Amino acid sequence: MSPINSLWFKWKSLKLPWRTSFLVGHDLKGNTYWEFKDALNANRYRRIVKCDPKTHLSDVQVSPQWHQWLRYVRAEPPSIEEQQQDIIRQIQLKELARLADERWASKVSYLDKPKTQQPAPATQTSDATLNPPKDEAQANKATPAAPGNEKKEKPASKQDPWAKAASGPGEKWQPDSWNPTSSQR
């Protein structure tokens, strides 16, 4: 800011009795913020922002601190140091967000197709009684069994262990087909 602008801002910020509007401050983008006496309500000052006349109104950006001051959320206007610290905070926040995005992108997604071949499902169990060694199995197949050497296997019982539990009154119920009756009048 030039020294002439600085002097002009100091002159306009003086609350002299004959003035109706007072300069309160400016932001880093060049907008100026003013208070003026309202004709309808003399007890309360109105707050406005004035921007460069060459700037289109849709391009005007007001920082959150100044927006709070305009809406009477904060009583004191923000200082230049506070506005500069907010800009530094935003830069740091963007850097941390970029790092978090990189960490997120480096992790493997469960939605992506796997790049490596999945291991085959286990077909053998560790129980030796269920999986005989291959040599023994081949030996049994190769030599015919002697007639007296046969093992007698017991037939597996075919009793259902859930038969008792399924004996409730509604367990075997099935709905009948629909048979409409004639209506009585």
C-alpha atoms as a PDB file:
ATOM      1  CA  MET A   1       0.000   0.000   0.000  1.00  0.00           C
ATOM      2  CA  SER A   2       1.353   3.402  -0.922  1.00  0.00           C
ATOM      3  CA  PRO A   3       1.938   6.087   1.749  1.00  0.00           C
ATOM      4  CA  ILE A   4      -0.731   8.285   0.161  1.00  0.00           C
ATOM      5  CA  ASN A   5      -3.325   5.506   0.446  1.00  0.00           C
ATOM      6  CA  SER A   6      -2.237   4.871   4.013  1.00  0.00           C
ATOM      7  CA  LEU A   7      -2.758   8.541   4.935  1.00  0.00           C
ATOM      8  CA  TRP A   8      -6.119   8.607   3.170  1.00  0.00           C
ATOM      9  CA  PHE A   9      -7.233   5.465   5.093  1.00  0.00           C
ATOM     10  CA  LYS A  10      -6.146   7.032   8.398  1.00  0.00           C
ATOM     11  CA  TRP A  11      -8.058  10.235   7.606  1.00  0.00           C
ATOM     12  CA  LYS A  12     -11.226   8.357   6.650  1.00  0.00           C
ATOM     13  CA  SER A  13     -11.059   6.146   9.745  1.00  0.00           C
ATOM     14  CA  LEU A  14     -11.251   9.115  12.142  1.00  0.00           C
ATOM     15  CA  LYS A  15     -14.691   9.259  13.755  1.00  0.00           C
ATOM     16  CA  LEU A  16     -15.316  12.978  13.471  1.00  0.00           C
ATOM     17  CA  PRO A  17     -18.753  14.234  14.542  1.00  0.00           C
ATOM     18  CA  TRP A  18     -19.764  15.634  11.150  1.00  0.00           C
ATOM     19  CA  ARG A  19     -18.970  12.416   9.267  1.00  0.00           C
ATOM     20  CA  THR A  20     -21.717   9.965   8.413  1.00  0.00           C
ATOM     21  CA  SER A  21     -19.440   7.119   7.284  1.00  0.00           C
ATOM     22  CA  PHE A  22     -16.198   5.814   8.765  1.00  0.00           C
ATOM     23  CA  LEU A  23     -13.571   3.534   7.310  1.00  0.00           C
ATOM     24  CA  VAL A  24     -13.111   0.501   9.554  1.00  0.00           C
ATOM     25  CA  GLY A  25     -10.494  -1.429   7.640  1.00  0.00           C
ATOM     26  CA  HIS A  26      -9.458  -3.232   4.498  1.00  0.00           C
ATOM     27  CA  ASP A  27      -8.619  -6.769   3.512  1.00  0.00           C
ATOM     28  CA  LEU A  28      -5.768  -8.312   1.547  1.00  0.00           C
ATOM     29  CA  LYS A  29      -7.766  -8.211  -1.700  1.00  0.00           C
ATOM     30  CA  GLY A  30      -8.253  -4.436  -1.658  1.00  0.00           C
ATOM     31  CA  ASN A  31     -11.845  -4.283  -0.399  1.00  0.00           C
ATOM     32  CA  THR A  32     -12.661  -1.564   2.141  1.00  0.00           C
ATOM     33  CA  TYR A  33     -15.154  -1.921   4.975  1.00  0.00           C
ATOM     34  CA  TRP A  34     -17.235   0.968   6.247  1.00  0.00           C
ATOM     35  CA  GLU A  35     -19.702   1.855   8.998  1.00  0.00           C
ATOM     36  CA  PHE A  36     -22.299   4.570   8.550  1.00  0.00           C
ATOM     37  CA  LYS A  37     -25.211   5.990  10.468  1.00  0.00           C
ATOM     38  CA  ASP A  38     -28.534   4.671   9.328  1.00  0.00           C
ATOM     39  CA  ALA A  39     -31.272   7.230   8.689  1.00  0.00           C
ATOM     40  CA  LEU A  40     -33.951   4.921  10.124  1.00  0.00           C
ATOM     41  CA  ASN A  41     -32.041   3.686  13.163  1.00  0.00           C
ATOM     42  CA  ALA A  42     -29.560   6.228  14.510  1.00  0.00           C
ATOM     43  CA  ASN A  43     -28.550   3.996  17.429  1.00  0.00           C
ATOM     44  CA  ARG A  44     -26.901   1.346  15.275  1.00  0.00           C
ATOM     45  CA  TYR A  45     -24.256   1.707  12.590  1.00  0.00           C
ATOM     46  CA  ARG A  46     -24.706  -0.216   9.344  1.00  0.00           C
ATOM     47  CA  ARG A  47     -21.765  -2.105   7.931  1.00  0.00           C
ATOM     48  CA  ILE A  48     -20.917  -2.403   4.240  1.00  0.00           C
ATOM     49  CA  VAL A  49     -18.085  -3.438   1.948  1.00  0.00           C
ATOM     50  CA  LYS A  50     -16.873  -1.354  -0.975  1.00  0.00           C
ATOM     51  CA  CYS A  51     -14.818  -2.952  -3.685  1.00  0.00           C
ATOM     52  CA  ASP A  52     -13.015  -1.685  -6.759  1.00  0.00           C
ATOM     53  CA  PRO A  53     -15.618  -0.285  -9.194  1.00  0.00           C
ATOM     54  CA  LYS A  54     -13.975  -2.196 -12.066  1.00  0.00           C
ATOM     55  CA  THR A  55     -14.617  -5.522 -10.323  1.00  0.00           C
ATOM     56  CA  HIS A  56     -17.790  -7.386 -11.194  1.00  0.00           C
ATOM     57  CA  LEU A  57     -19.960  -8.034  -8.142  1.00  0.00           C
ATOM     58  CA  SER A  58     -19.865 -11.803  -8.656  1.00  0.00           C
ATOM     59  CA  ASP A  59     -16.058 -11.704  -8.442  1.00  0.00           C
ATOM     60  CA  VAL A  60     -15.947  -9.974  -5.044  1.00  0.00           C
ATOM     61  CA  GLN A  61     -14.592 -12.283  -2.369  1.00  0.00           C
ATOM     62  CA  VAL A  62     -15.048 -11.505   1.316  1.00  0.00           C
ATOM     63  CA  SER A  63     -12.963 -13.408   3.851  1.00  0.00           C
ATOM     64  CA  PRO A  64     -14.780 -15.263   6.667  1.00  0.00           C
ATOM     65  CA  GLN A  65     -13.449 -12.868   9.317  1.00  0.00           C
ATOM     66  CA  TRP A  66     -14.809  -9.819   7.499  1.00  0.00           C
ATOM     67  CA  HIS A  67     -18.052 -11.623   6.770  1.00  0.00           C
ATOM     68  CA  GLN A  68     -18.469 -12.216  10.503  1.00  0.00           C
ATOM     69  CA  TRP A  69     -17.872  -8.528  11.148  1.00  0.00           C
ATOM     70  CA  LEU A  70     -20.386  -7.510   8.466  1.00  0.00           C
ATOM     71  CA  ARG A  71     -23.046  -9.747  10.039  1.00  0.00           C
ATOM     72  CA  TYR A  72     -22.388  -8.441  13.583  1.00  0.00           C
ATOM     73  CA  VAL A  73     -21.088 -11.836  14.720  1.00  0.00           C
ATOM     74  CA  ARG A  74     -17.850 -10.268  15.880  1.00  0.00           C
ATOM     75  CA  ALA A  75     -17.636  -6.812  17.371  1.00  0.00           C
ATOM     76  CA  GLU A  76     -14.058  -5.907  16.391  1.00  0.00           C
ATOM     77  CA  PRO A  77     -12.876  -5.953  12.765  1.00  0.00           C
ATOM     78  CA  PRO A  78     -10.058  -8.381  11.920  1.00  0.00           C
ATOM     79  CA  SER A  79      -6.515  -7.074  11.781  1.00  0.00           C
ATOM     80  CA  ILE A  80      -4.141  -7.446   8.846  1.00  0.00           C
ATOM     81  CA  GLU A  81      -2.008  -9.914  10.883  1.00  0.00           C
ATOM     82  CA  GLU A  82      -5.060 -12.076  11.572  1.00  0.00           C
ATOM     83  CA  GLN A  83      -5.897 -12.126   7.866  1.00  0.00           C
ATOM     84  CA  GLN A  84      -2.315 -13.076   6.947  1.00  0.00           C
ATOM     85  CA  GLN A  85      -2.307 -15.890   9.526  1.00  0.00           C
ATOM     86  CA  ASP A  86      -5.552 -17.206   8.037  1.00  0.00           C
ATOM     87  CA  ILE A  87      -3.960 -17.309   4.578  1.00  0.00           C
ATOM     88  CA  ILE A  88      -0.994 -19.260   6.017  1.00  0.00           C
ATOM     89  CA  ARG A  89      -3.409 -21.625   7.778  1.00  0.00           C
ATOM     90  CA  GLN A  90      -5.253 -22.275   4.510  1.00  0.00           C
ATOM     91  CA  ILE A  91      -1.980 -23.051   2.703  1.00  0.00           C
ATOM     92  CA  GLN A  92      -0.961 -25.488   5.458  1.00  0.00           C
ATOM     93  CA  LEU A  93      -4.389 -27.115   5.379  1.00  0.00           C
ATOM     94  CA  LYS A  94      -4.198 -27.603   1.597  1.00  0.00           C
ATOM     95  CA  GLU A  95      -0.746 -29.191   1.964  1.00  0.00           C
ATOM     96  CA  LEU A  96      -1.987 -31.570   4.666  1.00  0.00           C
ATOM     97  CA  ALA A  97      -4.993 -32.484   2.516  1.00  0.00           C
ATOM     98  CA  ARG A  98      -2.677 -33.185  -0.432  1.00  0.00           C
ATOM     99  CA  LEU A  99      -0.532 -35.476   1.731  1.00  0.00           C
ATOM    100  CA  ALA A 100      -3.620 -37.276   3.034  1.00  0.00           C
ATOM    101  CA  ASP A 101      -4.851 -37.778  -0.541  1.00  0.00           C
ATOM    102  CA  GLU A 102      -1.475 -39.240  -1.512  1.00  0.00           C
ATOM    103  CA  ARG A 103      -1.557 -41.633   1.460  1.00  0.00           C
ATOM    104  CA  TRP A 104      -5.098 -42.666   0.548  1.00  0.00           C
ATOM    105  CA  ALA A 105      -4.173 -43.225  -3.098  1.00  0.00           C
ATOM    106  CA  SER A 106      -1.132 -45.341  -2.171  1.00  0.00           C
ATOM    107  CA  LYS A 107      -3.234 -47.836  -0.223  1.00  0.00           C
ATOM    108  CA  VAL A 108      -4.599 -50.860  -2.056  1.00  0.00           C
ATOM    109  CA  SER A 109      -8.322 -50.614  -2.650  1.00  0.00           C
ATOM    110  CA  TYR A 110     -10.502 -53.617  -1.976  1.00  0.00           C
ATOM    111  CA  LEU A 111     -12.639 -52.586  -4.936  1.00  0.00           C
ATOM    112  CA  ASP A 112      -9.819 -53.020  -7.458  1.00  0.00           C
ATOM    113  CA  LYS A 113      -9.213 -56.308  -9.251  1.00  0.00           C
ATOM    114  CA  PRO A 114      -6.392 -58.259  -7.574  1.00  0.00           C
ATOM    115  CA  LYS A 115      -3.123 -58.114  -9.499  1.00  0.00           C
ATOM    116  CA  THR A 116      -1.681 -61.353  -8.129  1.00  0.00           C
ATOM    117  CA  GLN A 117      -3.027 -64.870  -8.397  1.00  0.00           C
ATOM    118  CA  GLN A 118      -5.013 -65.973  -5.388  1.00  0.00           C
ATOM    119  CA  PRO A 119      -3.730 -69.114  -3.620  1.00  0.00           C
ATOM    120  CA  ALA A 120      -5.641 -72.277  -4.438  1.00  0.00           C
ATOM    121  CA  PRO A 121      -8.106 -73.471  -1.807  1.00  0.00           C
ATOM    122  CA  ALA A 122      -6.829 -76.114   0.587  1.00  0.00           C
ATOM    123  CA  THR A 123      -7.790 -79.639  -0.520  1.00  0.00           C
ATOM    124  CA  GLN A 124      -5.818 -81.563   2.068  1.00  0.00           C
ATOM    125  CA  THR A 125      -6.475 -81.574   5.787  1.00  0.00           C
ATOM    126  CA  SER A 126      -3.914 -81.938   8.508  1.00  0.00           C
ATOM    127  CA  ASP A 127      -5.733 -84.973   9.997  1.00  0.00           C
ATOM    128  CA  ALA A 128      -3.817 -88.130   8.983  1.00  0.00           C
ATOM    129  CA  THR A 129      -6.881 -90.371   9.351  1.00  0.00           C
ATOM    130  CA  LEU A 130      -8.821 -88.416   6.748  1.00  0.00           C
ATOM    131  CA  ASN A 131      -5.980 -88.115   4.218  1.00  0.00           C
ATOM    132  CA  PRO A 132      -3.860 -91.272   4.008  1.00  0.00           C
ATOM    133  CA  PRO A 133      -0.332 -90.861   2.681  1.00  0.00           C
ATOM    134  CA  LYS A 134      -0.099 -91.189  -1.099  1.00  0.00           C
ATOM    135  CA  ASP A 135       2.228 -94.202  -0.971  1.00  0.00           C
ATOM    136  CA  GLU A 136      -0.192 -96.189   1.202  1.00  0.00           C
ATOM    137  CA  ALA A 137      -3.180 -95.289  -0.956  1.00  0.00           C
ATOM    138  CA  GLN A 138      -1.380 -96.376  -4.114  1.00  0.00           C
ATOM    139  CA  ALA A 139      -0.229 -99.597  -2.464  1.00  0.00           C
ATOM    140  CA  ASN A 140      -3.794-100.502  -1.447  1.00  0.00           C
ATOM    141  CA  LYS A 141      -5.040 -99.928  -4.984  1.00  0.00           C
ATOM    142  CA  ALA A 142      -2.240-101.880  -6.607  1.00  0.00           C
ATOM    143  CA  THR A 143      -2.526-105.086  -4.522  1.00  0.00           C
ATOM    144  CA  PRO A 144      -5.826-106.921  -4.440  1.00  0.00           C
ATOM    145  CA  ALA A 145      -7.149-107.669  -0.989  1.00  0.00           C
ATOM    146  CA  ALA A 146      -7.200-111.262   0.240  1.00  0.00           C
ATOM    147  CA  PRO A 147     -10.647-112.727   0.954  1.00  0.00           C
ATOM    148  CA  GLY A 148      -9.968-113.224   4.662  1.00  0.00           C
ATOM    149  CA  ASN A 149      -8.191-109.936   5.018  1.00  0.00           C
ATOM    150  CA  GLU A 150     -11.208-107.748   4.281  1.00  0.00           C
ATOM    151  CA  LYS A 151     -12.298-105.317   6.899  1.00  0.00           C
ATOM    152  CA  LYS A 152     -15.911-105.363   7.777  1.00  0.00           C
ATOM    153  CA  GLU A 153     -17.375-101.905   7.768  1.00  0.00           C
ATOM    154  CA  LYS A 154     -20.425-101.049   9.786  1.00  0.00           C
ATOM    155  CA  PRO A 155     -23.209 -99.478   7.795  1.00  0.00           C
ATOM    156  CA  ALA A 156     -23.723 -95.870   8.765  1.00  0.00           C
ATOM    157  CA  SER A 157     -26.902 -95.325  10.675  1.00  0.00           C
ATOM    158  CA  LYS A 158     -29.377 -93.153   8.843  1.00  0.00           C
ATOM    159  CA  GLN A 159     -31.043 -91.668  11.857  1.00  0.00           C
ATOM    160  CA  ASP A 160     -31.681 -87.986  11.625  1.00  0.00           C
ATOM    161  CA  PRO A 161     -30.446 -86.252  14.808  1.00  0.00           C
ATOM    162  CA  TRP A 162     -32.970 -83.454  14.247  1.00  0.00           C
ATOM    163  CA  ALA A 163     -35.959 -85.744  13.905  1.00  0.00           C
ATOM    164  CA  LYS A 164     -37.026 -85.221  17.528  1.00  0.00           C
ATOM    165  CA  ALA A 165     -36.648 -81.474  17.275  1.00  0.00           C
ATOM    166  CA  ALA A 166     -38.746 -81.318  14.084  1.00  0.00           C
ATOM    167  CA  SER A 167     -41.721 -83.004  15.656  1.00  0.00           C
ATOM    168  CA  GLY A 168     -43.528 -79.811  16.680  1.00  0.00           C
ATOM    169  CA  PRO A 169     -47.194 -79.254  15.775  1.00  0.00           C
ATOM    170  CA  GLY A 170     -46.498 -76.779  12.988  1.00  0.00           C
ATOM    171  CA  GLU A 171     -43.331 -78.247  11.539  1.00  0.00           C
ATOM    172  CA  LYS A 172     -44.957 -80.292   8.811  1.00  0.00           C
ATOM    173  CA  TRP A 173     -47.917 -78.008   8.088  1.00  0.00           C
ATOM    174  CA  GLN A 174     -48.447 -77.003   4.468  1.00  0.00           C
ATOM    175  CA  PRO A 175     -51.095 -74.558   3.233  1.00  0.00           C
ATOM    176  CA  ASP A 176     -54.043 -75.953   1.292  1.00  0.00           C
ATOM    177  CA  SER A 177     -55.123 -74.682  -2.066  1.00  0.00           C
ATOM    178  CA  TRP A 178     -57.689 -71.871  -2.064  1.00  0.00           C
ATOM    179  CA  ASN A 179     -61.280 -73.027  -2.160  1.00  0.00           C
ATOM    180  CA  PRO A 180     -63.657 -70.060  -2.161  1.00  0.00           C
ATOM    181  CA  THR A 181     -67.086 -70.581  -0.683  1.00  0.00           C
ATOM    182  CA  SER A 182     -70.282 -69.047  -1.974  1.00  0.00           C
ATOM    183  CA  SER A 183     -71.347 -65.898  -0.195  1.00  0.00           C
ATOM    184  CA  GLN A 184     -74.486 -65.974   1.927  1.00  0.00           C
ATOM    185  CA  ARG A 185     -77.013 -63.142   1.770  1.00  0.00           C
END
